[in-house]
């Protein structure tokens, strides 16, 4: 088992393309000769986000669509030998589109891997901004009437030095490794079909055919190179542990420990 993993059993549906994304990410990290403690993996809400528990790296889990903002903050403050990798779905990329554009414009040192299975998989199969025209979803049974965003073009126009789009089949670790070797912002969009919702509503549709018919061009695109944006080292500040402790002013009437559990269905909790 790879040193980057805590288990070989990934918690996804059988046939889900997220398996391949994780496997290829591991190959790419191994090819860069990194230690798990050199890597910060940032995720958010979505099926991709349960990768947290299978990676032996540092992990941060954020709100839906905000993983790029979290990753940008981390990337601004880390030395260049550390790697920040953001995993996000097409739904999260739609919600957090402004974060993507700003991270590309600032050229923050992070790699964004977009799991584009063309719908919101965890919340029931609704269309996202990356759902291609004609693709059938739970609320567009006759096919989406709108064209999809070209995410690679958007981040390149915003100033990203690297963007790639691959069909999520076989070994595409080279694209991920190349992206993580870029100084500054890099994005890799991986095309998938959700086996829980996309396959059922679009029977017989093959991923390569879908990519071609939807106008999803695959390849690597490069923008102008420039230094990655980093924050200057912070000045030494007093530690919080050196502050005077806060004295309690009121007595609590509790006699034992109380726990509160918040639960719900997918994103409805």
Protein backbone atom coordinates (compact mmCIF):
# COMPACT_ATOMS: atom_id res chain seq x y z
CA UNK A 1 0.00 0.00 0.00
CA UNK A 2 1.22 3.50 -0.78
CA UNK A 3 2.58 5.65 2.05
CA UNK A 4 0.06 8.29 0.95
CA UNK A 5 -2.90 6.06 1.82
CA UNK A 6 -4.37 4.80 5.08
CA UNK A 7 -6.35 2.08 3.28
CA UNK A 8 -6.68 0.51 -0.15
CA UNK A 9 -10.48 0.47 0.12
CA UNK A 10 -11.96 3.66 -1.30
CA UNK A 11 -15.48 4.56 -0.05
CA UNK A 12 -17.14 5.23 -3.41
CA UNK A 13 -19.85 3.54 -5.46
CA UNK A 14 -18.70 0.63 -7.59
CA UNK A 15 -17.51 2.02 -10.92
CA UNK A 16 -17.22 5.61 -9.68
CA UNK A 17 -14.49 7.58 -11.42
CA UNK A 18 -13.33 9.02 -8.10
CA UNK A 19 -11.44 5.74 -7.53
CA UNK A 20 -9.26 6.49 -10.55
CA UNK A 21 -8.71 10.10 -9.54
CA UNK A 22 -7.40 8.99 -6.16
CA UNK A 23 -5.20 6.27 -7.66
CA UNK A 24 -3.71 8.66 -10.20
CA UNK A 25 -3.17 11.33 -7.56
CA UNK A 26 -1.21 8.83 -5.48
CA UNK A 27 0.94 7.90 -8.51
CA UNK A 28 1.60 11.57 -9.18
CA UNK A 29 2.61 12.27 -5.58
CA UNK A 30 4.91 9.25 -5.54
CA UNK A 31 6.50 10.46 -8.78
CA UNK A 32 7.39 13.76 -7.13
CA UNK A 33 9.26 11.98 -4.33
CA UNK A 34 7.24 13.70 -1.63
CA UNK A 35 6.51 12.68 1.94
CA UNK A 36 2.85 12.57 3.05
CA UNK A 37 3.68 15.35 5.50
CA UNK A 38 4.77 17.56 2.60
CA UNK A 39 1.21 17.54 1.23
CA UNK A 40 -1.96 19.33 2.35
CA UNK A 41 -5.13 17.88 0.82
CA UNK A 42 -8.13 20.23 0.92
CA UNK A 43 -11.65 19.00 0.14
CA UNK A 44 -15.23 20.13 0.64
CA UNK A 45 -18.79 18.81 0.42
CA UNK A 46 -19.36 16.14 -2.21
CA UNK A 47 -18.56 12.48 -2.76
CA UNK A 48 -14.95 13.39 -3.53
CA UNK A 49 -14.65 14.88 -0.03
CA UNK A 50 -14.71 11.53 1.73
CA UNK A 51 -11.18 11.05 0.40
CA UNK A 52 -10.05 12.77 3.60
CA UNK A 53 -9.97 9.56 5.59
CA UNK A 54 -8.09 7.49 3.00
CA UNK A 55 -5.11 9.85 2.56
CA UNK A 56 -2.23 9.90 5.04
CA UNK A 57 -1.43 13.55 4.26
CA UNK A 58 -2.56 16.63 6.14
CA UNK A 59 -6.26 17.11 5.31
CA UNK A 60 -8.68 20.03 5.63
CA UNK A 61 -12.41 19.69 4.92
CA UNK A 62 -14.39 22.84 4.17
CA UNK A 63 -17.82 24.10 3.20
CA UNK A 64 -19.35 23.40 -0.20
CA UNK A 65 -17.43 25.28 -2.88
CA UNK A 66 -14.94 26.83 -0.46
CA UNK A 67 -12.05 24.36 -0.67
CA UNK A 68 -10.20 26.58 -3.16
CA UNK A 69 -10.43 29.54 -0.78
CA UNK A 70 -9.09 27.40 2.07
CA UNK A 71 -6.35 25.97 -0.13
CA UNK A 72 -5.37 29.45 -1.30
CA UNK A 73 -4.97 30.65 2.27
CA UNK A 74 -2.81 27.65 3.11
CA UNK A 75 -0.76 27.97 -0.08
CA UNK A 76 -0.01 31.65 0.53
CA UNK A 77 1.70 30.85 3.80
CA UNK A 78 3.60 27.64 3.06
CA UNK A 79 7.14 27.32 1.68
CA UNK A 80 7.38 26.25 -1.98
CA UNK A 81 8.56 22.71 -1.19
CA UNK A 82 5.15 21.93 0.32
CA UNK A 83 2.26 20.97 -1.97
CA UNK A 84 -1.36 22.06 -1.57
CA UNK A 85 -3.83 19.95 -3.54
CA UNK A 86 -7.50 20.93 -3.67
CA UNK A 87 -10.10 18.31 -4.56
CA UNK A 88 -13.44 19.72 -5.66
CA UNK A 89 -16.47 18.55 -7.63
CA UNK A 90 -18.19 20.25 -10.53
CA UNK A 91 -20.91 21.39 -8.14
CA UNK A 92 -18.40 22.88 -5.73
CA UNK A 93 -16.52 24.49 -8.61
CA UNK A 94 -19.79 26.12 -9.71
CA UNK A 95 -20.57 27.38 -6.20
CA UNK A 96 -17.01 28.60 -5.64
CA UNK A 97 -16.27 29.84 -9.14
CA UNK A 98 -15.11 33.23 -7.88
CA UNK A 99 -12.58 31.53 -5.59
CA UNK A 100 -11.15 29.65 -8.59
CA UNK A 101 -10.83 32.80 -10.67
CA UNK A 102 -9.21 34.80 -7.87
CA UNK A 103 -6.75 32.02 -7.01
CA UNK A 104 -5.79 31.87 -10.69
CA UNK A 105 -5.53 35.67 -10.94
CA UNK A 106 -3.30 35.87 -7.88
CA UNK A 107 -1.34 32.80 -9.03
CA UNK A 108 -1.52 31.15 -5.63
CA UNK A 109 0.66 28.06 -5.39
CA UNK A 110 -1.87 25.23 -5.39
CA UNK A 111 -3.17 22.48 -7.66
CA UNK A 112 -6.93 22.11 -8.12
CA UNK A 113 -8.31 18.73 -9.24
CA UNK A 114 -11.92 19.03 -10.43
CA UNK A 115 -13.96 15.81 -10.32
CA UNK A 116 -16.37 16.72 -13.12
CA UNK A 117 -19.03 14.01 -13.15
CA UNK A 118 -21.39 16.63 -14.58
CA UNK A 119 -23.88 16.85 -11.72
CA UNK A 120 -24.30 17.22 -7.96
CA UNK A 121 -23.80 13.57 -7.01
CA UNK A 122 -24.13 13.69 -3.22
CA UNK A 123 -27.30 15.79 -3.11
CA UNK A 124 -29.43 13.88 -5.62
CA UNK A 125 -28.15 14.35 -9.17
CA UNK A 126 -29.01 17.98 -9.93
CA UNK A 127 -27.23 19.77 -12.81
CA UNK A 128 -24.24 22.03 -12.17
CA UNK A 129 -22.61 24.77 -14.20
CA UNK A 130 -20.45 22.08 -15.84
CA UNK A 131 -23.35 19.87 -16.93
CA UNK A 132 -23.20 19.73 -20.75
CA UNK A 133 -26.14 20.72 -22.91
CA UNK A 134 -28.41 17.73 -23.54
CA UNK A 135 -27.17 15.72 -20.54
CA UNK A 136 -30.15 14.36 -18.60
CA UNK A 137 -30.38 14.87 -14.84
CA UNK A 138 -33.04 14.46 -12.17
CA UNK A 139 -34.50 17.94 -12.82
CA UNK A 140 -33.74 18.10 -16.55
CA UNK A 141 -35.13 14.74 -17.76
CA UNK A 142 -35.16 15.96 -21.37
CA UNK A 143 -31.58 17.15 -21.15
CA UNK A 144 -29.94 20.31 -19.85
CA UNK A 145 -30.96 23.29 -22.00
CA UNK A 146 -27.81 25.27 -21.18
CA UNK A 147 -24.17 25.05 -22.34
CA UNK A 148 -21.52 24.26 -19.73
CA UNK A 149 -18.76 26.53 -18.48
CA UNK A 150 -15.33 25.93 -19.99
CA UNK A 151 -13.51 25.86 -16.68
CA UNK A 152 -10.03 25.55 -18.19
CA UNK A 153 -10.59 28.58 -20.41
CA UNK A 154 -11.96 30.60 -17.50
CA UNK A 155 -8.93 30.05 -15.25
CA UNK A 156 -6.51 30.65 -18.14
CA UNK A 157 -8.23 33.94 -18.92
CA UNK A 158 -7.93 34.81 -15.22
CA UNK A 159 -4.16 34.28 -15.35
CA UNK A 160 -3.50 30.61 -14.54
CA UNK A 161 -0.17 29.35 -15.93
CA UNK A 162 -1.48 25.79 -16.37
CA UNK A 163 -4.79 24.05 -17.07
CA UNK A 164 -5.52 20.54 -18.31
CA UNK A 165 -8.59 18.46 -19.06
CA UNK A 166 -8.48 14.67 -19.19
CA UNK A 167 -11.00 11.89 -19.67
CA UNK A 168 -11.04 9.97 -16.40
CA UNK A 169 -9.94 6.62 -17.80
CA UNK A 170 -6.68 4.73 -17.33
CA UNK A 171 -3.49 6.44 -16.24
CA UNK A 172 -3.59 10.24 -16.28
CA UNK A 173 -1.10 10.72 -13.44
CA UNK A 174 1.31 12.58 -15.75
CA UNK A 175 -1.13 15.49 -16.02
CA UNK A 176 -1.48 15.64 -12.23
CA UNK A 177 2.26 15.39 -11.65
CA UNK A 178 2.92 18.11 -14.23
CA UNK A 179 0.31 20.35 -12.62
CA UNK A 180 1.86 19.93 -9.17
CA UNK A 181 5.25 20.86 -10.62
CA UNK A 182 3.99 24.25 -11.83
CA UNK A 183 4.99 27.36 -9.89
CA UNK A 184 1.67 28.86 -8.94
CA UNK A 185 -1.91 27.93 -9.80
CA UNK A 186 -2.72 24.82 -11.82
CA UNK A 187 -6.03 23.13 -12.57
CA UNK A 188 -6.76 19.62 -13.84
CA UNK A 189 -10.36 18.85 -14.81
CA UNK A 190 -11.15 15.13 -14.84
CA UNK A 191 -14.25 14.11 -16.81
CA UNK A 192 -16.37 11.37 -15.25
CA UNK A 193 -19.94 10.07 -15.34
CA UNK A 194 -21.72 9.58 -12.00
CA UNK A 195 -22.73 5.91 -11.81
CA UNK A 196 -25.56 6.65 -9.36
CA UNK A 197 -27.35 9.33 -11.41
CA UNK A 198 -25.59 10.08 -14.69
CA UNK A 199 -25.43 6.53 -16.04
CA UNK A 200 -29.03 5.72 -15.12
CA UNK A 201 -30.47 8.76 -16.88
CA UNK A 202 -28.12 8.58 -19.86
CA UNK A 203 -27.97 4.82 -20.60
CA UNK A 204 -25.45 3.62 -23.13
CA UNK A 205 -23.55 6.90 -23.13
CA UNK A 206 -19.79 6.36 -23.13
CA UNK A 207 -17.53 8.86 -21.44
CA UNK A 208 -15.31 9.51 -24.47
CA UNK A 209 -18.37 9.96 -26.69
CA UNK A 210 -19.93 12.33 -24.16
CA UNK A 211 -16.78 14.42 -23.97
CA UNK A 212 -16.62 14.70 -27.76
CA UNK A 213 -20.33 15.43 -28.27
CA UNK A 214 -20.40 18.00 -25.46
CA UNK A 215 -17.41 19.85 -26.88
CA UNK A 216 -15.17 19.08 -23.93
CA UNK A 217 -11.74 19.48 -25.51
CA UNK A 218 -9.01 17.52 -23.76
CA UNK A 219 -5.39 18.58 -23.53
CA UNK A 220 -2.98 20.87 -21.73
CA UNK A 221 -3.01 24.65 -22.00
CA UNK A 222 -0.38 27.01 -20.65
CA UNK A 223 -0.57 30.66 -19.74
CA UNK A 224 2.22 33.14 -19.05
CA UNK A 225 4.54 32.11 -16.22
CA UNK A 226 5.06 34.40 -13.25
CA UNK A 227 6.10 34.03 -9.62
CA UNK A 228 3.61 32.40 -7.28
CA UNK A 229 1.97 34.77 -4.82
CA UNK A 230 3.05 34.22 -1.23
CA UNK A 231 2.56 36.21 1.94
CA UNK A 232 5.69 37.59 3.59
CA UNK A 233 6.78 35.76 6.74
CA UNK A 234 4.78 36.89 9.73
CA UNK A 235 6.53 38.78 12.49
CA UNK A 236 6.88 37.07 15.82
CA UNK A 237 3.73 37.60 17.85
CA UNK A 238 3.01 36.74 21.48
CA UNK A 239 1.57 33.27 21.87
CA UNK A 240 -2.01 32.87 23.07
CA UNK A 241 -0.75 30.53 25.78
CA UNK A 242 1.17 33.46 27.26
CA UNK A 243 -1.99 35.49 27.81
CA UNK A 244 -3.69 35.68 31.17
CA UNK A 245 -6.35 32.95 31.52
CA UNK A 246 -9.96 34.09 31.46
CA UNK A 247 -11.54 33.71 34.86
CA UNK A 248 -15.06 32.23 34.87
CA UNK A 249 -17.74 34.70 35.96
CA UNK A 250 -20.76 32.42 36.13
CA UNK A 251 -21.25 28.91 37.47
CA UNK A 252 -22.83 26.29 35.20
CA UNK A 253 -25.64 24.12 36.47
CA UNK A 254 -24.54 21.09 34.46
CA UNK A 255 -23.46 18.04 36.39
CA UNK A 256 -22.21 15.94 33.49
CA UNK A 257 -20.95 16.13 29.97
CA UNK A 258 -23.50 16.79 27.21
CA UNK A 259 -23.02 15.88 23.56
CA UNK A 260 -24.98 17.22 20.59
CA UNK A 261 -25.19 15.39 17.27
CA UNK A 262 -26.27 17.24 14.12
CA UNK A 263 -27.25 14.90 11.30
CA UNK A 264 -29.07 14.98 8.00
CA UNK A 265 -29.32 13.52 4.53
CA UNK A 266 -26.30 14.48 2.39
CA UNK A 267 -26.20 18.27 2.09
CA UNK A 268 -29.51 18.76 3.91
CA UNK A 269 -28.18 18.34 7.46
